[in-house]
PDB file of N, CA and C in Angstrom:
ATOM      1  N   UNK A   1     -70.937  53.795 -27.457  1.00  0.00           N
ATOM      2  CA  UNK A   1     -70.799  55.268 -27.655  1.00  0.00           C
ATOM      3  C   UNK A   1     -70.393  55.424 -25.977  1.00  0.00           C
ATOM      4  N   UNK A   2     -71.056  54.743 -24.936  1.00  0.00           N
ATOM      5  CA  UNK A   2     -70.762  54.773 -23.710  1.00  0.00           C
ATOM      6  C   UNK A   2     -69.411  54.363 -23.427  1.00  0.00           C
ATOM      7  N   UNK A   3     -69.006  53.540 -23.796  1.00  0.00           N
ATOM      8  CA  UNK A   3     -67.618  53.021 -23.473  1.00  0.00           C
ATOM      9  C   UNK A   3     -66.523  54.075 -24.003  1.00  0.00           C
ATOM     10  N   UNK A   4     -66.552  54.543 -25.221  1.00  0.00           N
ATOM     11  CA  UNK A   4     -65.835  55.454 -25.722  1.00  0.00           C
ATOM     12  C   UNK A   4     -65.492  56.892 -24.307  1.00  0.00           C
ATOM     13  N   UNK A   5     -66.727  56.857 -24.076  1.00  0.00           N
ATOM     14  CA  UNK A   5     -66.726  58.736 -22.811  1.00  0.00           C
ATOM     15  C   UNK A   5     -66.128  57.785 -21.898  1.00  0.00           C
ATOM     16  N   UNK A   6     -66.149  56.381 -21.423  1.00  0.00           N
ATOM     17  CA  UNK A   6     -65.569  56.206 -19.997  1.00  0.00           C
ATOM     18  C   UNK A   6     -63.946  56.302 -20.266  1.00  0.00           C
ATOM     19  N   UNK A   7     -63.791  55.664 -21.374  1.00  0.00           N
ATOM     20  CA  UNK A   7     -62.351  55.235 -21.914  1.00  0.00           C
ATOM     21  C   UNK A   7     -61.448  56.732 -21.803  1.00  0.00           C
ATOM     22  N   UNK A   8     -62.278  57.855 -22.287  1.00  0.00           N
ATOM     23  CA  UNK A   8     -61.878  59.304 -22.482  1.00  0.00           C
ATOM     24  C   UNK A   8     -61.870  59.669 -20.963  1.00  0.00           C
ATOM     25  N   UNK A   9     -62.647  59.715 -20.077  1.00  0.00           N
ATOM     26  CA  UNK A   9     -62.304  59.904 -18.790  1.00  0.00           C
ATOM     27  C   UNK A   9     -61.249  59.420 -18.185  1.00  0.00           C
ATOM     28  N   UNK A  10     -61.234  58.141 -18.166  1.00  0.00           N
ATOM     29  CA  UNK A  10     -59.932  57.149 -17.608  1.00  0.00           C
ATOM     30  C   UNK A  10     -58.880  57.544 -18.135  1.00  0.00           C
ATOM     31  N   UNK A  11     -58.768  58.193 -19.232  1.00  0.00           N
ATOM     32  CA  UNK A  11     -57.321  58.825 -20.262  1.00  0.00           C
ATOM     33  C   UNK A  11     -56.847  59.974 -18.999  1.00  0.00           C
ATOM     34  N   UNK A  12     -58.164  61.166 -19.352  1.00  0.00           N
ATOM     35  CA  UNK A  12     -57.757  62.286 -18.971  1.00  0.00           C
ATOM     36  C   UNK A  12     -57.490  62.264 -17.312  1.00  0.00           C
ATOM     37  N   UNK A  13     -57.995  61.163 -16.608  1.00  0.00           N
ATOM     38  CA  UNK A  13     -57.669  61.268 -15.272  1.00  0.00           C
ATOM     39  C   UNK A  13     -55.958  60.503 -15.032  1.00  0.00           C
ATOM     40  N   UNK A  14     -55.998  59.647 -15.964  1.00  0.00           N
ATOM     41  CA  UNK A  14     -54.350  58.988 -15.766  1.00  0.00           C
ATOM     42  C   UNK A  14     -53.660  60.479 -16.354  1.00  0.00           C
ATOM     43  N   UNK A  15     -53.784  61.002 -17.533  1.00  0.00           N
ATOM     44  CA  UNK A  15     -52.956  62.380 -17.548  1.00  0.00           C
ATOM     45  C   UNK A  15     -52.814  63.262 -16.680  1.00  0.00           C
ATOM     46  N   UNK A  16     -53.447  63.122 -15.707  1.00  0.00           N
ATOM     47  CA  UNK A  16     -53.767  64.329 -14.850  1.00  0.00           C
ATOM     48  C   UNK A  16     -52.821  63.788 -13.752  1.00  0.00           C
ATOM     49  N   UNK A  17     -52.998  62.581 -13.386  1.00  0.00           N
ATOM     50  CA  UNK A  17     -52.563  62.005 -12.143  1.00  0.00           C
ATOM     51  C   UNK A  17     -50.640  61.843 -12.956  1.00  0.00           C
ATOM     52  N   UNK A  18     -50.832  61.781 -14.221  1.00  0.00           N
ATOM     53  CA  UNK A  18     -49.352  61.733 -14.403  1.00  0.00           C
ATOM     54  C   UNK A  18     -48.524  63.102 -14.394  1.00  0.00           C
ATOM     55  N   UNK A  19     -49.218  64.010 -14.399  1.00  0.00           N
ATOM     56  CA  UNK A  19     -49.010  65.843 -14.790  1.00  0.00           C
ATOM     57  C   UNK A  19     -48.633  66.013 -13.289  1.00  0.00           C
ATOM     58  N   UNK A  20     -49.641  65.067 -12.272  1.00  0.00           N
ATOM     59  CA  UNK A  20     -49.387  65.904 -10.968  1.00  0.00           C
ATOM     60  C   UNK A  20     -48.105  65.075 -10.475  1.00  0.00           C
ATOM     61  N   UNK A  21     -47.673  63.915 -10.803  1.00  0.00           N
ATOM     62  CA  UNK A  21     -47.028  63.050 -10.444  1.00  0.00           C
ATOM     63  C   UNK A  21     -45.445  64.056 -11.018  1.00  0.00           C
ATOM     64  N   UNK A  22     -45.467  64.236 -11.962  1.00  0.00           N
ATOM     65  CA  UNK A  22     -44.308  65.024 -12.329  1.00  0.00           C
ATOM     66  C   UNK A  22     -43.884  66.101 -11.713  1.00  0.00           C
ATOM     67  N   UNK A  23     -45.230  67.040 -11.786  1.00  0.00           N
ATOM     68  CA  UNK A  23     -44.898  68.571 -10.538  1.00  0.00           C
ATOM     69  C   UNK A  23     -44.262  68.068  -9.012  1.00  0.00           C
ATOM     70  N   UNK A  24     -44.879  67.192  -8.387  1.00  0.00           N
ATOM     71  CA  UNK A  24     -44.213  66.930  -7.158  1.00  0.00           C
ATOM     72  C   UNK A  24     -43.026  66.350  -7.071  1.00  0.00           C
ATOM     73  N   UNK A  25     -42.561  65.279  -8.396  1.00  0.00           N
ATOM     74  CA  UNK A  25     -41.267  64.972  -8.438  1.00  0.00           C
ATOM     75  C   UNK A  25     -40.295  65.815  -8.970  1.00  0.00           C
ATOM     76  N   UNK A  26     -40.624  66.979  -9.483  1.00  0.00           N
ATOM     77  CA  UNK A  26     -39.839  68.339  -9.725  1.00  0.00           C
ATOM     78  C   UNK A  26     -39.486  68.856  -8.563  1.00  0.00           C
ATOM     79  N   UNK A  27     -40.696  69.347  -8.131  1.00  0.00           N
ATOM     80  CA  UNK A  27     -40.779  69.904  -6.489  1.00  0.00           C
ATOM     81  C   UNK A  27     -39.855  68.983  -5.106  1.00  0.00           C
ATOM     82  N   UNK A  28     -39.832  68.214  -5.279  1.00  0.00           N
ATOM     83  CA  UNK A  28     -38.761  66.956  -4.651  1.00  0.00           C
ATOM     84  C   UNK A  28     -37.493  67.071  -4.872  1.00  0.00           C
ATOM     85  N   UNK A  29     -37.261  67.060  -6.310  1.00  0.00           N
ATOM     86  CA  UNK A  29     -35.906  67.125  -6.851  1.00  0.00           C
ATOM     87  C   UNK A  29     -35.272  68.360  -6.474  1.00  0.00           C
ATOM     88  N   UNK A  30     -35.879  69.478  -6.171  1.00  0.00           N
ATOM     89  CA  UNK A  30     -35.395  70.590  -6.021  1.00  0.00           C
ATOM     90  C   UNK A  30     -35.117  71.073  -4.554  1.00  0.00           C
ATOM     91  N   UNK A  31     -36.029  70.545  -3.579  1.00  0.00           N
ATOM     92  CA  UNK A  31     -36.591  70.979  -2.294  1.00  0.00           C
ATOM     93  C   UNK A  31     -35.638  69.708  -1.472  1.00  0.00           C
ATOM     94  N   UNK A  32     -35.588  68.802  -1.544  1.00  0.00           N
ATOM     95  CA  UNK A  32     -34.398  67.519  -0.956  1.00  0.00           C
ATOM     96  C   UNK A  32     -33.287  68.208  -1.001  1.00  0.00           C
ATOM     97  N   UNK A  33     -32.305  68.286  -1.831  1.00  0.00           N
ATOM     98  CA  UNK A  33     -30.594  68.694  -2.040  1.00  0.00           C
ATOM     99  C   UNK A  33     -30.727  70.018  -0.961  1.00  0.00           C
ATOM    100  N   UNK A  34     -31.856  70.727  -1.324  1.00  0.00           N
ATOM    101  CA  UNK A  34     -31.959  72.219  -0.675  1.00  0.00           C
ATOM    102  C   UNK A  34     -31.975  71.947   0.890  1.00  0.00           C
ATOM    103  N   UNK A  35     -32.983  71.085   1.363  1.00  0.00           N
ATOM    104  CA  UNK A  35     -33.018  70.695   2.692  1.00  0.00           C
ATOM    105  C   UNK A  35     -31.830  69.837   3.479  1.00  0.00           C
ATOM    106  N   UNK A  36     -31.003  69.023   2.869  1.00  0.00           N
ATOM    107  CA  UNK A  36     -30.127  68.526   3.395  1.00  0.00           C
ATOM    108  C   UNK A  36     -29.181  69.426   3.378  1.00  0.00           C
ATOM    109  N   UNK A  37     -28.669  70.396   2.439  1.00  0.00           N
ATOM    110  CA  UNK A  37     -27.794  71.597   2.839  1.00  0.00           C
ATOM    111  C   UNK A  37     -27.798  72.590   3.482  1.00  0.00           C
ATOM    112  N   UNK A  38     -29.170  73.321   4.061  1.00  0.00           N
ATOM    113  CA  UNK A  38     -29.419  73.930   4.857  1.00  0.00           C
ATOM    114  C   UNK A  38     -29.643  73.229   6.573  1.00  0.00           C
ATOM    115  N   UNK A  39     -29.913  71.789   6.461  1.00  0.00           N
ATOM    116  CA  UNK A  39     -29.834  71.134   7.639  1.00  0.00           C
ATOM    117  C   UNK A  39     -28.034  70.927   7.852  1.00  0.00           C
ATOM    118  N   UNK A  40     -27.477  70.312   6.979  1.00  0.00           N
ATOM    119  CA  UNK A  40     -26.206  70.747   7.834  1.00  0.00           C
ATOM    120  C   UNK A  40     -25.342  71.627   8.170  1.00  0.00           C
ATOM    121  N   UNK A  41     -25.315  72.765   7.350  1.00  0.00           N
ATOM    122  CA  UNK A  41     -24.234  73.689   7.729  1.00  0.00           C
ATOM    123  C   UNK A  41     -24.621  74.866   8.859  1.00  0.00           C
ATOM    124  N   UNK A  42     -25.604  75.230   9.269  1.00  0.00           N
ATOM    125  CA  UNK A  42     -25.777  75.815  10.335  1.00  0.00           C
ATOM    126  C   UNK A  42     -25.698  75.195  11.949  1.00  0.00           C
ATOM    127  N   UNK A  43     -25.765  73.718  11.684  1.00  0.00           N
ATOM    128  CA  UNK A  43     -25.475  72.569  13.417  1.00  0.00           C
ATOM    129  C   UNK A  43     -23.799  73.030  13.238  1.00  0.00           C
ATOM    130  N   UNK A  44     -23.417  72.743  12.000  1.00  0.00           N
ATOM    131  CA  UNK A  44     -22.005  72.964  12.841  1.00  0.00           C
ATOM    132  C   UNK A  44     -21.532  73.993  13.124  1.00  0.00           C
ATOM    133  N   UNK A  45     -21.688  75.095  12.394  1.00  0.00           N
ATOM    134  CA  UNK A  45     -21.525  76.563  12.932  1.00  0.00           C
ATOM    135  C   UNK A  45     -21.937  76.531  14.354  1.00  0.00           C
ATOM    136  N   UNK A  46     -23.349  76.319  14.776  1.00  0.00           N
ATOM    137  CA  UNK A  46     -23.678  76.184  15.768  1.00  0.00           C
ATOM    138  C   UNK A  46     -22.757  75.411  17.057  1.00  0.00           C
ATOM    139  N   UNK A  47     -22.217  74.354  16.798  1.00  0.00           N
ATOM    140  CA  UNK A  47     -21.132  73.774  17.633  1.00  0.00           C
ATOM    141  C   UNK A  47     -19.834  74.765  17.316  1.00  0.00           C
ATOM    142  N   UNK A  48     -19.444  75.260  16.530  1.00  0.00           N
ATOM    143  CA  UNK A  48     -18.523  76.084  16.678  1.00  0.00           C
ATOM    144  C   UNK A  48     -18.628  77.326  17.790  1.00  0.00           C
ATOM    145  N   UNK A  49     -19.807  78.136  17.430  1.00  0.00           N
ATOM    146  CA  UNK A  49     -20.155  78.952  18.337  1.00  0.00           C
ATOM    147  C   UNK A  49     -20.260  78.843  19.698  1.00  0.00           C
ATOM    148  N   UNK A  50     -20.851  77.416  20.097  1.00  0.00           N
ATOM    149  CA  UNK A  50     -20.854  77.137  21.599  1.00  0.00           C
ATOM    150  C   UNK A  50     -19.365  76.706  21.833  1.00  0.00           C
ATOM    151  N   UNK A  51     -18.613  76.174  21.323  1.00  0.00           N
ATOM    152  CA  UNK A  51     -17.034  76.345  21.577  1.00  0.00           C
ATOM    153  C   UNK A  51     -16.275  77.456  22.037  1.00  0.00           C
ATOM    154  N   UNK A  52     -16.966  78.346  20.911  1.00  0.00           N
ATOM    155  CA  UNK A  52     -16.170  80.029  21.253  1.00  0.00           C
ATOM    156  C   UNK A  52     -16.811  80.741  22.053  1.00  0.00           C
ATOM    157  N   UNK A  53     -18.071  80.408  22.738  1.00  0.00           N
ATOM    158  CA  UNK A  53     -18.711  80.802  24.036  1.00  0.00           C
ATOM    159  C   UNK A  53     -17.701  80.176  25.165  1.00  0.00           C
ATOM    160  N   UNK A  54     -17.674  78.857  25.102  1.00  0.00           N
ATOM    161  CA  UNK A  54     -16.935  78.054  26.280  1.00  0.00           C
ATOM    162  C   UNK A  54     -15.638  78.830  26.436  1.00  0.00           C
ATOM    163  N   UNK A  55     -14.833  79.255  25.395  1.00  0.00           N
ATOM    164  CA  UNK A  55     -13.503  79.552  25.144  1.00  0.00           C
ATOM    165  C   UNK A  55     -13.262  80.782  25.843  1.00  0.00           C
ATOM    166  N   UNK A  56     -14.239  81.841  25.574  1.00  0.00           N
ATOM    167  CA  UNK A  56     -14.585  83.213  26.044  1.00  0.00           C
ATOM    168  C   UNK A  56     -14.905  83.060  27.606  1.00  0.00           C
ATOM    169  N   UNK A  57     -15.546  82.332  27.782  1.00  0.00           N
ATOM    170  CA  UNK A  57     -15.953  82.067  29.581  1.00  0.00           C
ATOM    171  C   UNK A  57     -14.978  81.810  30.086  1.00  0.00           C
ATOM    172  N   UNK A  58     -14.134  80.475  29.519  1.00  0.00           N
ATOM    173  CA  UNK A  58     -12.996  80.107  30.424  1.00  0.00           C
ATOM    174  C   UNK A  58     -12.048  81.374  30.266  1.00  0.00           C
ATOM    175  N   UNK A  59     -11.719  82.062  29.031  1.00  0.00           N
ATOM    176  CA  UNK A  59     -10.733  83.146  29.307  1.00  0.00           C
ATOM    177  C   UNK A  59     -11.125  84.143  30.263  1.00  0.00           C
ATOM    178  N   UNK A  60     -12.526  84.466  30.269  1.00  0.00           N
ATOM    179  CA  UNK A  60     -12.674  85.717  31.333  1.00  0.00           C
ATOM    180  C   UNK A  60     -12.491  84.818  32.883  1.00  0.00           C
ATOM    181  N   UNK A  61     -12.809  83.561  32.908  1.00  0.00           N
ATOM    182  CA  UNK A  61     -12.470  82.956  34.192  1.00  0.00           C
ATOM    183  C   UNK A  61     -10.939  83.275  34.760  1.00  0.00           C
ATOM    184  N   UNK A  62     -10.156  82.483  33.732  1.00  0.00           N
ATOM    185  CA  UNK A  62      -8.533  82.616  34.054  1.00  0.00           C
ATOM    186  C   UNK A  62      -8.084  84.077  34.510  1.00  0.00           C
ATOM    187  N   UNK A  63      -8.921  84.824  33.776  1.00  0.00           N
ATOM    188  CA  UNK A  63      -8.430  86.515  33.580  1.00  0.00           C
ATOM    189  C   UNK A  63      -8.909  87.096  35.486  1.00  0.00           C
ATOM    190  N   UNK A  64      -9.752  86.343  35.596  1.00  0.00           N
ATOM    191  CA  UNK A  64     -10.192  87.309  37.150  1.00  0.00           C
ATOM    192  C   UNK A  64      -9.483  86.251  38.310  1.00  0.00           C
ATOM    193  N   UNK A  65      -9.537  85.137  37.953  1.00  0.00           N
ATOM    194  CA  UNK A  65      -8.253  84.195  39.133  1.00  0.00           C
ATOM    195  C   UNK A  65      -6.917  84.532  39.158  1.00  0.00           C
ATOM    196  N   UNK A  66      -6.514  85.090  37.957  1.00  0.00           N
ATOM    197  CA  UNK A  66      -4.820  85.497  37.847  1.00  0.00           C
ATOM    198  C   UNK A  66      -4.616  87.045  37.528  1.00  0.00           C
ATOM    199  N   UNK A  67      -6.072  87.460  37.685  1.00  0.00           N
ATOM    200  CA  UNK A  67      -5.801  89.007  38.152  1.00  0.00           C
ATOM    201  C   UNK A  67      -4.802  89.706  36.550  1.00  0.00           C
ATOM    202  N   UNK A  68      -5.670  89.325  35.425  1.00  0.00           N
ATOM    203  CA  UNK A  68      -4.927  89.939  34.524  1.00  0.00           C
ATOM    204  C   UNK A  68      -6.091  90.645  34.201  1.00  0.00           C
ATOM    205  N   UNK A  69      -5.325  92.005  33.239  1.00  0.00           N
ATOM    206  CA  UNK A  69      -6.012  92.893  32.879  1.00  0.00           C
ATOM    207  C   UNK A  69      -6.605  92.705  31.074  1.00  0.00           C
ATOM    208  N   UNK A  70      -7.495  93.677  30.632  1.00  0.00           N
ATOM    209  CA  UNK A  70      -7.599  93.835  29.385  1.00  0.00           C
ATOM    210  C   UNK A  70      -6.572  93.770  28.676  1.00  0.00           C
ATOM    211  N   UNK A  71      -6.542  93.191  27.622  1.00  0.00           N
ATOM    212  CA  UNK A  71      -5.384  93.414  26.522  1.00  0.00           C
ATOM    213  C   UNK A  71      -3.994  92.338  26.882  1.00  0.00           C
ATOM    214  N   UNK A  72      -4.304  91.499  27.623  1.00  0.00           N
ATOM    215  CA  UNK A  72      -2.979  90.542  28.307  1.00  0.00           C
ATOM    216  C   UNK A  72      -3.071  89.458  27.380  1.00  0.00           C
ATOM    217  N   UNK A  73      -1.998  88.916  26.880  1.00  0.00           N
ATOM    218  CA  UNK A  73      -1.814  87.988  26.445  1.00  0.00           C
ATOM    219  C   UNK A  73      -2.272  86.544  26.921  1.00  0.00           C
ATOM    220  N   UNK A  74      -3.012  85.801  26.354  1.00  0.00           N
ATOM    221  CA  UNK A  74      -3.465  84.582  27.097  1.00  0.00           C
ATOM    222  C   UNK A  74      -2.594  83.249  27.203  1.00  0.00           C
ATOM    223  N   UNK A  75      -2.416  82.532  28.084  1.00  0.00           N
ATOM    224  CA  UNK A  75      -1.771  81.191  27.719  1.00  0.00           C
ATOM    225  C   UNK A  75      -2.900  80.194  27.726  1.00  0.00           C
ATOM    226  N   UNK A  76      -2.661  79.846  26.156  1.00  0.00           N
ATOM    227  CA  UNK A  76      -4.122  78.610  25.592  1.00  0.00           C
ATOM    228  C   UNK A  76      -3.891  77.968  26.961  1.00  0.00           C
ATOM    229  N   UNK A  77      -3.065  77.259  27.257  1.00  0.00           N
ATOM    230  CA  UNK A  77      -2.881  76.018  28.143  1.00  0.00           C
ATOM    231  C   UNK A  77      -3.341  76.094  29.713  1.00  0.00           C
ATOM    232  N   UNK A  78      -3.394  77.031  30.021  1.00  0.00           N
ATOM    233  CA  UNK A  78      -3.870  77.399  31.314  1.00  0.00           C
ATOM    234  C   UNK A  78      -5.151  77.840  30.898  1.00  0.00           C
ATOM    235  N   UNK A  79      -5.734  78.079  30.344  1.00  0.00           N
ATOM    236  CA  UNK A  79      -7.094  78.573  29.791  1.00  0.00           C
ATOM    237  C   UNK A  79      -7.731  77.419  29.625  1.00  0.00           C
ATOM    238  N   UNK A  80      -7.156  76.219  28.555  1.00  0.00           N
ATOM    239  CA  UNK A  80      -7.680  75.082  28.633  1.00  0.00           C
ATOM    240  C   UNK A  80      -7.759  74.313  29.896  1.00  0.00           C
ATOM    241  N   UNK A  81      -7.468  74.645  30.932  1.00  0.00           N
ATOM    242  CA  UNK A  81      -7.538  73.840  32.265  1.00  0.00           C
ATOM    243  C   UNK A  81      -8.722  74.044  32.571  1.00  0.00           C
ATOM    244  N   UNK A  82      -9.624  75.251  32.170  1.00  0.00           N
ATOM    245  CA  UNK A  82     -10.998  75.809  32.762  1.00  0.00           C
ATOM    246  C   UNK A  82     -12.209  75.430  32.079  1.00  0.00           C
ATOM    247  N   UNK A  83     -11.591  74.439  30.386  1.00  0.00           N
ATOM    248  CA  UNK A  83     -12.885  74.113  29.795  1.00  0.00           C
ATOM    249  C   UNK A  83     -12.831  72.463  30.290  1.00  0.00           C
ATOM    250  N   UNK A  84     -13.964  72.310  30.542  1.00  0.00           N
ATOM    251  CA  UNK A  84     -14.488  70.985  31.171  1.00  0.00           C
ATOM    252  C   UNK A  84     -13.662  69.834  30.121  1.00  0.00           C
ATOM    253  N   UNK A  85     -13.864  69.872  28.857  1.00  0.00           N
ATOM    254  CA  UNK A  85     -13.428  68.363  28.179  1.00  0.00           C
ATOM    255  C   UNK A  85     -11.697  68.976  27.643  1.00  0.00           C
ATOM    256  N   UNK A  86     -11.179  69.998  28.060  1.00  0.00           N
ATOM    257  CA  UNK A  86      -9.850  70.169  28.054  1.00  0.00           C
ATOM    258  C   UNK A  86     -10.052  71.324  26.346  1.00  0.00           C
ATOM    259  N   UNK A  87      -8.739  71.091  26.057  1.00  0.00           N
ATOM    260  CA  UNK A  87      -8.358  72.232  24.651  1.00  0.00           C
ATOM    261  C   UNK A  87      -9.737  71.428  23.641  1.00  0.00           C
ATOM    262  N   UNK A  88     -10.226  72.473  23.072  1.00  0.00           N
ATOM    263  CA  UNK A  88     -11.410  72.497  22.211  1.00  0.00           C
ATOM    264  C   UNK A  88     -10.751  72.032  20.880  1.00  0.00           C
ATOM    265  N   UNK A  89     -12.295  71.419  20.055  1.00  0.00           N
ATOM    266  CA  UNK A  89     -12.126  71.258  18.496  1.00  0.00           C
ATOM    267  C   UNK A  89     -12.956  71.558  17.884  1.00  0.00           C
ATOM    268  N   UNK A  90     -12.582  72.393  16.534  1.00  0.00           N
ATOM    269  CA  UNK A  90     -13.811  72.564  15.845  1.00  0.00           C
ATOM    270  C   UNK A  90     -14.247  71.346  15.214  1.00  0.00           C
ATOM    271  N   UNK A  91     -15.553  71.327  15.387  1.00  0.00           N
ATOM    272  CA  UNK A  91     -16.438  70.415  14.476  1.00  0.00           C
ATOM    273  C   UNK A  91     -16.266  70.026  12.456  1.00  0.00           C
ATOM    274  N   UNK A  92     -15.732  71.251  12.052  1.00  0.00           N
ATOM    275  CA  UNK A  92     -15.590  71.659  10.988  1.00  0.00           C
ATOM    276  C   UNK A  92     -13.830  71.253  10.543  1.00  0.00           C
ATOM    277  N   UNK A  93     -12.711  71.040  11.731  1.00  0.00           N
ATOM    278  CA  UNK A  93     -11.904  71.193  11.455  1.00  0.00           C
ATOM    279  C   UNK A  93     -10.970  72.274  11.239  1.00  0.00           C
ATOM    280  N   UNK A  94     -11.508  73.537  12.094  1.00  0.00           N
ATOM    281  CA  UNK A  94     -10.819  74.617  12.016  1.00  0.00           C
ATOM    282  C   UNK A  94     -10.009  74.392  13.366  1.00  0.00           C
ATOM    283  N   UNK A  95      -9.313  75.719  13.324  1.00  0.00           N
ATOM    284  CA  UNK A  95      -8.270  76.044  14.559  1.00  0.00           C
ATOM    285  C   UNK A  95      -8.809  77.078  15.299  1.00  0.00           C
ATOM    286  N   UNK A  96      -8.568  77.130  16.425  1.00  0.00           N
ATOM    287  CA  UNK A  96      -9.206  78.343  17.329  1.00  0.00           C
ATOM    288  C   UNK A  96      -7.848  78.910  17.503  1.00  0.00           C
ATOM    289  N   UNK A  97      -8.255  80.401  17.760  1.00  0.00           N
ATOM    290  CA  UNK A  97      -7.320  81.581  18.433  1.00  0.00           C
ATOM    291  C   UNK A  97      -7.951  82.319  19.457  1.00  0.00           C
ATOM    292  N   UNK A  98      -7.276  82.093  20.703  1.00  0.00           N
ATOM    293  CA  UNK A  98      -7.723  82.744  21.607  1.00  0.00           C
ATOM    294  C   UNK A  98      -7.796  84.093  21.971  1.00  0.00           C
ATOM    295  N   UNK A  99      -6.829  84.959  21.404  1.00  0.00           N
ATOM    296  CA  UNK A  99      -6.590  86.345  21.637  1.00  0.00           C
ATOM    297  C   UNK A  99      -6.261  86.553  22.968  1.00  0.00           C
ATOM    298  N   UNK A 100      -6.262  87.750  22.878  1.00  0.00           N
ATOM    299  CA  UNK A 100      -5.688  88.495  24.621  1.00  0.00           C
ATOM    300  C   UNK A 100      -6.952  88.480  25.284  1.00  0.00           C
ATOM    301  N   UNK A 101      -6.669  89.136  26.744  1.00  0.00           N
ATOM    302  CA  UNK A 101      -7.829  89.378  27.510  1.00  0.00           C
ATOM    303  C   UNK A 101      -8.798  90.395  27.049  1.00  0.00           C
ATOM    304  N   UNK A 102     -10.218  90.065  26.835  1.00  0.00           N
ATOM    305  CA  UNK A 102     -11.074  91.297  26.496  1.00  0.00           C
ATOM    306  C   UNK A 102     -11.308  91.213  24.716  1.00  0.00           C
ATOM    307  N   UNK A 103     -10.603  90.068  23.990  1.00  0.00           N
ATOM    308  CA  UNK A 103     -11.155  90.135  22.476  1.00  0.00           C
ATOM    309  C   UNK A 103     -11.935  88.559  22.658  1.00  0.00           C
ATOM    310  N   UNK A 104     -12.124  88.615  21.623  1.00  0.00           N
ATOM    311  CA  UNK A 104     -13.348  87.755  21.560  1.00  0.00           C
ATOM    312  C   UNK A 104     -12.045  86.563  20.718  1.00  0.00           C
ATOM    313  N   UNK A 105     -12.534  85.547  21.273  1.00  0.00           N
ATOM    314  CA  UNK A 105     -12.376  84.110  20.546  1.00  0.00           C
ATOM    315  C   UNK A 105     -12.181  84.137  18.838  1.00  0.00           C
ATOM    316  N   UNK A 106     -11.466  83.496  18.026  1.00  0.00           N
ATOM    317  CA  UNK A 106     -12.045  83.518  16.491  1.00  0.00           C
ATOM    318  C   UNK A 106     -11.904  81.831  16.422  1.00  0.00           C
ATOM    319  N   UNK A 107     -12.640  81.651  15.374  1.00  0.00           N
ATOM    320  CA  UNK A 107     -12.121  80.310  14.177  1.00  0.00           C
ATOM    321  C   UNK A 107     -11.937  80.558  12.947  1.00  0.00           C
ATOM    322  N   UNK A 108     -10.800  79.393  12.587  1.00  0.00           N
ATOM    323  CA  UNK A 108      -9.944  79.998  11.095  1.00  0.00           C
ATOM    324  C   UNK A 108     -11.209  79.408  10.272  1.00  0.00           C
ATOM    325  N   UNK A 109     -12.213  78.997  10.616  1.00  0.00           N
ATOM    326  CA  UNK A 109     -13.367  78.821   9.067  1.00  0.00           C
ATOM    327  C   UNK A 109     -13.919  80.330   8.807  1.00  0.00           C
ATOM    328  N   UNK A 110     -13.826  80.736   7.784  1.00  0.00           N
ATOM    329  CA  UNK A 110     -14.923  81.992   7.990  1.00  0.00           C
ATOM    330  C   UNK A 110     -17.076  81.914   8.154  1.00  0.00           C
ATOM    331  N   UNK A 111     -16.949  82.663   8.631  1.00  0.00           N
ATOM    332  CA  UNK A 111     -18.650  82.351   9.441  1.00  0.00           C
ATOM    333  C   UNK A 111     -18.658  82.080  10.606  1.00  0.00           C
ATOM    334  N   UNK A 112     -17.631  81.371  11.181  1.00  0.00           N
ATOM    335  CA  UNK A 112     -17.596  80.861  12.628  1.00  0.00           C
ATOM    336  C   UNK A 112     -17.478  81.720  13.659  1.00  0.00           C
ATOM    337  N   UNK A 113     -18.074  82.970  14.071  1.00  0.00           N
ATOM    338  CA  UNK A 113     -17.745  83.710  14.414  1.00  0.00           C
ATOM    339  C   UNK A 113     -18.397  84.103  15.997  1.00  0.00           C
ATOM    340  N   UNK A 114     -17.973  84.748  17.069  1.00  0.00           N
ATOM    341  CA  UNK A 114     -18.798  84.443  18.649  1.00  0.00           C
ATOM    342  C   UNK A 114     -19.799  86.201  18.227  1.00  0.00           C
TER     343      UNK A 114
END
C-alpha cells in the first residue's frame, strides 16, 4: 500500500510540473513576439527623430548665417552642408521634407515627427 501512495504522489507532481510548463510556454509564446515587435519599432522611429532634430538645427544655423527670415524657402543642398554626414537618409526608407524656415522638418513615414 505504501508503494501505491508514492506512485500517486509522483504522478501528481508530474502533472503539476506539466501544467506549470504549459502555462510558462503559453506566456512565452505571447510575450516574446510582442517584445520583439516593441523593441524594433521605437528604435527606428527614434533614429528618424534624431535626424529630424539635426535637420532642424542645420536649418536654423543656415538661416542665421544667411540672414533668412521665417517663411523663407530652404535650399536643401545648402542646409545639408551644415549636417556632419551630409544629406540624411531615413532608417526606414522614408524621405525628408525640410520645409521653410520656421517650420519643422517632416518624414514621409507616419509617426516619424519632430
